[in-house]
Amino acid sequence: MILADMLGREVVDSNGDRLGEVSDFRFALDSAPTQLLSQARLVGIIVSPRTASSFLGFERQGMTQPWPVAQLLRWWHRGSFLVLWEDIAVMGASEVVLRPDFVPYESGLPR
């Protein structure tokens, strides 16, 4: 699977109700960095109810400049949430279907 192909896919709950679009991914580093790279593990997807565009790094703590861009992206991505990889039931060609008991977690976008 190529992650870039998932960007923009519609995300629906188990009843088929639209929740948003895949706009980003979250990874965890499970070990210390090696000589070249750290081992990364896909934790989940970020679902944005309004847009599939990227956060452009403004979800990171302390990223507030330039101020107008930061404010626009916070507004544009309001309501975004993280869905853990294990809460994805089906990764279809055009949509992502979530399990009935999925939990929406905070996306990490500063308020």
N, C-alpha and C. Protein backbone atom coordinates (compact mmCIF):
# COMPACT_ATOMS: atom_id res chain seq x y z
N MET A 1 0.84 -1.16 0.00
CA MET A 1 0.00 0.00 0.00
C MET A 1 0.90 1.24 0.00
N ILE A 2 0.55 2.21 -0.80
CA ILE A 2 1.25 3.49 -0.85
C ILE A 2 0.39 4.50 -0.10
N LEU A 3 0.95 5.06 0.97
CA LEU A 3 0.16 5.95 1.82
C LEU A 3 -0.37 7.16 1.07
N ALA A 4 0.41 7.69 0.14
CA ALA A 4 -0.05 8.88 -0.60
C ALA A 4 -1.35 8.59 -1.35
N ASP A 5 -1.58 7.33 -1.72
CA ASP A 5 -2.82 6.97 -2.40
C ASP A 5 -4.03 7.05 -1.48
N MET A 6 -3.80 7.01 -0.17
CA MET A 6 -4.90 7.09 0.80
C MET A 6 -5.36 8.53 1.02
N LEU A 7 -4.49 9.49 0.79
CA LEU A 7 -4.85 10.88 1.03
C LEU A 7 -6.07 11.27 0.19
N GLY A 8 -7.03 11.90 0.82
CA GLY A 8 -8.23 12.34 0.13
C GLY A 8 -9.34 11.31 0.07
N ARG A 9 -9.07 10.07 0.50
CA ARG A 9 -10.14 9.08 0.50
C ARG A 9 -11.20 9.46 1.52
N GLU A 10 -12.44 9.24 1.15
CA GLU A 10 -13.55 9.52 2.05
C GLU A 10 -13.53 8.50 3.19
N VAL A 11 -13.85 8.97 4.40
CA VAL A 11 -13.90 8.11 5.58
C VAL A 11 -15.35 8.06 6.04
N VAL A 12 -15.86 6.83 6.22
CA VAL A 12 -17.24 6.64 6.66
C VAL A 12 -17.26 5.73 7.89
N ASP A 13 -18.32 5.87 8.69
CA ASP A 13 -18.45 4.97 9.84
C ASP A 13 -19.07 3.66 9.37
N SER A 14 -19.33 2.76 10.29
CA SER A 14 -19.84 1.44 9.92
C SER A 14 -21.25 1.50 9.32
N ASN A 15 -21.97 2.61 9.52
CA ASN A 15 -23.30 2.78 8.94
C ASN A 15 -23.26 3.44 7.56
N GLY A 16 -22.05 3.84 7.13
CA GLY A 16 -21.92 4.50 5.84
C GLY A 16 -22.04 6.01 5.90
N ASP A 17 -22.13 6.58 7.11
CA ASP A 17 -22.21 8.04 7.26
C ASP A 17 -20.83 8.66 7.07
N ARG A 18 -20.76 9.72 6.28
CA ARG A 18 -19.49 10.38 5.98
C ARG A 18 -18.96 11.10 7.22
N LEU A 19 -17.68 10.87 7.53
CA LEU A 19 -17.02 11.53 8.65
C LEU A 19 -15.99 12.56 8.19
N GLY A 20 -15.50 12.41 6.97
CA GLY A 20 -14.49 13.34 6.46
C GLY A 20 -13.61 12.65 5.44
N GLU A 21 -12.38 13.17 5.32
CA GLU A 21 -11.40 12.64 4.38
C GLU A 21 -10.08 12.42 5.09
N VAL A 22 -9.30 11.45 4.59
CA VAL A 22 -7.96 11.22 5.13
C VAL A 22 -7.09 12.42 4.75
N SER A 23 -6.53 13.10 5.76
CA SER A 23 -5.71 14.27 5.47
C SER A 23 -4.26 14.12 5.92
N ASP A 24 -3.98 13.13 6.77
CA ASP A 24 -2.61 12.97 7.26
C ASP A 24 -2.48 11.62 7.94
N PHE A 25 -1.27 11.32 8.38
CA PHE A 25 -0.97 10.06 9.05
C PHE A 25 -0.19 10.35 10.32
N ARG A 26 -0.27 9.45 11.28
CA ARG A 26 0.51 9.58 12.51
C ARG A 26 1.38 8.33 12.65
N PHE A 27 2.64 8.57 12.98
CA PHE A 27 3.62 7.50 13.17
C PHE A 27 4.18 7.58 14.57
N ALA A 28 4.69 6.45 15.06
CA ALA A 28 5.39 6.39 16.33
C ALA A 28 6.78 5.83 16.08
N LEU A 29 7.75 6.36 16.80
CA LEU A 29 9.11 5.83 16.74
C LEU A 29 9.27 4.90 17.94
N ASP A 30 9.44 3.61 17.66
CA ASP A 30 9.48 2.62 18.73
C ASP A 30 10.88 2.35 19.26
N SER A 31 11.89 2.88 18.62
CA SER A 31 13.26 2.62 19.06
C SER A 31 14.11 3.86 18.86
N ALA A 32 15.28 3.82 19.42
CA ALA A 32 16.22 4.92 19.24
C ALA A 32 16.69 4.96 17.79
N PRO A 33 17.02 6.14 17.31
CA PRO A 33 17.50 6.24 15.92
C PRO A 33 18.74 5.40 15.69
N THR A 34 18.80 4.78 14.53
CA THR A 34 20.00 4.05 14.12
C THR A 34 20.87 5.00 13.31
N GLN A 35 21.87 4.47 12.67
CA GLN A 35 22.79 5.32 11.93
C GLN A 35 22.08 6.09 10.82
N LEU A 36 21.10 5.47 10.17
CA LEU A 36 20.41 6.13 9.06
C LEU A 36 19.05 6.67 9.44
N LEU A 37 18.19 5.82 9.97
CA LEU A 37 16.81 6.21 10.27
C LEU A 37 16.30 5.50 11.51
N SER A 38 15.24 6.04 12.10
CA SER A 38 14.54 5.35 13.17
C SER A 38 13.50 4.43 12.56
N GLN A 39 13.14 3.39 13.28
CA GLN A 39 12.06 2.51 12.85
C GLN A 39 10.73 3.20 13.17
N ALA A 40 9.91 3.41 12.18
CA ALA A 40 8.62 4.07 12.38
C ALA A 40 7.48 3.08 12.17
N ARG A 41 6.43 3.26 12.97
CA ARG A 41 5.25 2.40 12.89
C ARG A 41 4.03 3.30 12.67
N LEU A 42 3.17 2.94 11.72
CA LEU A 42 1.96 3.70 11.45
C LEU A 42 0.98 3.48 12.59
N VAL A 43 0.57 4.57 13.24
CA VAL A 43 -0.36 4.51 14.37
C VAL A 43 -1.79 4.67 13.88
N GLY A 44 -2.01 5.60 12.96
CA GLY A 44 -3.37 5.82 12.48
C GLY A 44 -3.44 6.91 11.43
N ILE A 45 -4.68 7.27 11.10
CA ILE A 45 -4.93 8.30 10.10
C ILE A 45 -5.61 9.50 10.76
N ILE A 46 -5.38 10.66 10.19
CA ILE A 46 -6.08 11.87 10.63
C ILE A 46 -7.24 12.09 9.67
N VAL A 47 -8.43 12.24 10.22
CA VAL A 47 -9.63 12.48 9.43
C VAL A 47 -10.04 13.94 9.64
N SER A 48 -10.17 14.65 8.54
CA SER A 48 -10.61 16.04 8.58
C SER A 48 -12.00 16.12 7.97
N PRO A 49 -12.97 16.72 8.68
CA PRO A 49 -14.34 16.77 8.17
C PRO A 49 -14.52 17.72 6.99
N ARG A 50 -13.56 18.61 6.73
CA ARG A 50 -13.73 19.62 5.69
C ARG A 50 -12.80 19.50 4.50
N THR A 51 -11.60 18.96 4.69
CA THR A 51 -10.60 19.02 3.63
C THR A 51 -9.61 17.87 3.75
N ALA A 52 -9.04 17.50 2.64
CA ALA A 52 -7.99 16.48 2.65
C ALA A 52 -6.61 17.13 2.58
N SER A 53 -6.56 18.45 2.65
CA SER A 53 -5.27 19.13 2.57
C SER A 53 -4.43 18.86 3.82
N SER A 54 -3.15 19.05 3.70
CA SER A 54 -2.20 18.78 4.77
C SER A 54 -2.25 19.85 5.85
N PHE A 55 -1.76 19.48 7.05
CA PHE A 55 -1.61 20.43 8.14
C PHE A 55 -0.38 21.31 7.93
N LEU A 56 0.48 20.96 6.97
CA LEU A 56 1.71 21.70 6.66
C LEU A 56 2.63 21.86 7.87
N GLY A 57 2.55 20.93 8.81
CA GLY A 57 3.41 20.97 9.98
C GLY A 57 2.88 21.81 11.12
N PHE A 58 1.74 22.49 10.94
CA PHE A 58 1.22 23.35 11.99
C PHE A 58 0.54 22.59 13.11
N GLU A 59 0.45 21.26 13.03
CA GLU A 59 -0.09 20.50 14.14
C GLU A 59 0.96 20.32 15.23
N ARG A 60 2.21 20.60 14.91
CA ARG A 60 3.29 20.46 15.88
C ARG A 60 3.20 21.59 16.92
N GLN A 61 3.51 21.24 18.14
CA GLN A 61 3.47 22.23 19.22
C GLN A 61 4.45 23.36 18.92
N GLY A 62 4.01 24.57 19.12
CA GLY A 62 4.88 25.72 18.95
C GLY A 62 4.93 26.29 17.54
N MET A 63 4.28 25.65 16.57
CA MET A 63 4.27 26.16 15.21
C MET A 63 3.15 27.18 15.09
N THR A 64 3.49 28.44 15.19
CA THR A 64 2.47 29.50 15.17
C THR A 64 2.78 30.60 14.17
N GLN A 65 3.87 30.49 13.44
CA GLN A 65 4.27 31.54 12.51
C GLN A 65 4.38 30.98 11.10
N PRO A 66 4.02 31.66 10.09
CA PRO A 66 3.37 32.97 10.13
C PRO A 66 1.94 32.85 10.67
N TRP A 67 1.59 33.80 11.50
CA TRP A 67 0.34 33.76 12.24
C TRP A 67 -0.89 33.58 11.35
N PRO A 68 -1.04 34.32 10.23
CA PRO A 68 -2.26 34.15 9.42
C PRO A 68 -2.40 32.73 8.87
N VAL A 69 -1.30 32.12 8.48
CA VAL A 69 -1.35 30.76 7.94
C VAL A 69 -1.74 29.78 9.04
N ALA A 70 -1.12 29.92 10.20
CA ALA A 70 -1.43 29.03 11.33
C ALA A 70 -2.91 29.13 11.70
N GLN A 71 -3.44 30.34 11.78
CA GLN A 71 -4.84 30.52 12.14
C GLN A 71 -5.78 29.93 11.08
N LEU A 72 -5.46 30.15 9.82
CA LEU A 72 -6.28 29.60 8.74
C LEU A 72 -6.31 28.08 8.79
N LEU A 73 -5.16 27.44 8.97
CA LEU A 73 -5.12 25.98 9.02
C LEU A 73 -5.83 25.43 10.24
N ARG A 74 -5.73 26.10 11.37
CA ARG A 74 -6.47 25.66 12.57
C ARG A 74 -7.97 25.71 12.33
N TRP A 75 -8.42 26.79 11.70
CA TRP A 75 -9.84 26.93 11.39
C TRP A 75 -10.28 25.88 10.37
N TRP A 76 -9.47 25.70 9.33
CA TRP A 76 -9.81 24.80 8.23
C TRP A 76 -9.88 23.34 8.70
N HIS A 77 -9.01 22.98 9.64
CA HIS A 77 -8.95 21.59 10.10
C HIS A 77 -9.67 21.38 11.43
N ARG A 78 -10.50 22.32 11.87
CA ARG A 78 -11.21 22.15 13.13
C ARG A 78 -12.09 20.91 13.05
N GLY A 79 -12.15 20.19 14.13
CA GLY A 79 -12.94 18.97 14.16
C GLY A 79 -12.19 17.74 13.66
N SER A 80 -10.93 17.89 13.28
CA SER A 80 -10.15 16.74 12.82
C SER A 80 -9.87 15.80 13.98
N PHE A 81 -9.74 14.51 13.68
CA PHE A 81 -9.49 13.54 14.73
C PHE A 81 -8.63 12.40 14.22
N LEU A 82 -7.99 11.71 15.15
CA LEU A 82 -7.13 10.57 14.87
C LEU A 82 -7.94 9.28 14.99
N VAL A 83 -7.78 8.40 14.01
CA VAL A 83 -8.37 7.06 14.06
C VAL A 83 -7.22 6.08 14.07
N LEU A 84 -7.15 5.23 15.09
CA LEU A 84 -6.08 4.25 15.17
C LEU A 84 -6.19 3.23 14.05
N TRP A 85 -5.04 2.72 13.63
CA TRP A 85 -4.98 1.78 12.50
C TRP A 85 -5.88 0.57 12.75
N GLU A 86 -5.91 0.08 13.99
CA GLU A 86 -6.73 -1.11 14.28
C GLU A 86 -8.23 -0.82 14.25
N ASP A 87 -8.63 0.45 14.21
CA ASP A 87 -10.04 0.80 14.13
C ASP A 87 -10.54 0.92 12.69
N ILE A 88 -9.68 0.63 11.73
CA ILE A 88 -10.08 0.66 10.32
C ILE A 88 -10.55 -0.74 9.94
N ALA A 89 -11.80 -0.83 9.49
CA ALA A 89 -12.36 -2.13 9.10
C ALA A 89 -12.01 -2.47 7.66
N VAL A 90 -12.17 -1.51 6.75
CA VAL A 90 -11.93 -1.76 5.32
C VAL A 90 -11.20 -0.56 4.73
N MET A 91 -10.15 -0.84 3.99
CA MET A 91 -9.43 0.20 3.26
C MET A 91 -9.74 -0.03 1.79
N GLY A 92 -10.84 0.58 1.34
CA GLY A 92 -11.28 0.37 -0.03
C GLY A 92 -10.58 1.26 -1.02
N ALA A 93 -10.87 1.06 -2.28
CA ALA A 93 -10.25 1.85 -3.35
C ALA A 93 -10.70 3.31 -3.33
N SER A 94 -11.92 3.56 -2.82
CA SER A 94 -12.41 4.94 -2.83
C SER A 94 -12.80 5.45 -1.44
N GLU A 95 -12.90 4.55 -0.45
CA GLU A 95 -13.28 5.00 0.88
C GLU A 95 -12.68 4.12 1.95
N VAL A 96 -12.64 4.67 3.15
CA VAL A 96 -12.16 3.97 4.34
C VAL A 96 -13.36 3.78 5.25
N VAL A 97 -13.61 2.53 5.65
CA VAL A 97 -14.74 2.21 6.53
C VAL A 97 -14.17 1.89 7.91
N LEU A 98 -14.73 2.54 8.93
CA LEU A 98 -14.26 2.33 10.30
C LEU A 98 -15.09 1.27 11.01
N ARG A 99 -14.49 0.67 12.03
CA ARG A 99 -15.20 -0.33 12.83
C ARG A 99 -16.33 0.34 13.62
N PRO A 100 -17.35 -0.42 13.98
CA PRO A 100 -18.49 0.17 14.70
C PRO A 100 -18.12 0.83 16.02
N ASP A 101 -17.10 0.32 16.70
CA ASP A 101 -16.75 0.85 18.02
C ASP A 101 -15.48 1.70 18.00
N PHE A 102 -15.17 2.34 16.87
CA PHE A 102 -13.95 3.14 16.78
C PHE A 102 -14.01 4.32 17.76
N VAL A 103 -12.84 4.77 18.18
CA VAL A 103 -12.74 5.91 19.10
C VAL A 103 -12.03 7.05 18.38
N PRO A 104 -12.65 8.24 18.28
CA PRO A 104 -11.96 9.39 17.67
C PRO A 104 -11.07 10.07 18.73
N TYR A 105 -9.78 10.10 18.48
CA TYR A 105 -8.84 10.73 19.40
C TYR A 105 -8.48 12.13 18.93
N GLU A 106 -7.95 12.93 19.84
CA GLU A 106 -7.49 14.28 19.52
C GLU A 106 -6.44 14.20 18.42
N SER A 107 -6.56 15.08 17.43
CA SER A 107 -5.65 15.05 16.27
C SER A 107 -4.29 15.62 16.55
N GLY A 108 -4.15 16.42 17.59
CA GLY A 108 -2.87 17.04 17.90
C GLY A 108 -2.76 18.45 17.38
N LEU A 109 -3.79 18.95 16.71
CA LEU A 109 -3.78 20.32 16.21
C LEU A 109 -3.99 21.27 17.36
N PRO A 110 -3.05 22.19 17.61
CA PRO A 110 -3.23 23.13 18.72
C PRO A 110 -4.48 23.97 18.53
N ARG A 111 -5.06 24.38 19.60
CA ARG A 111 -6.27 25.20 19.55
C ARG A 111 -5.93 26.67 19.59
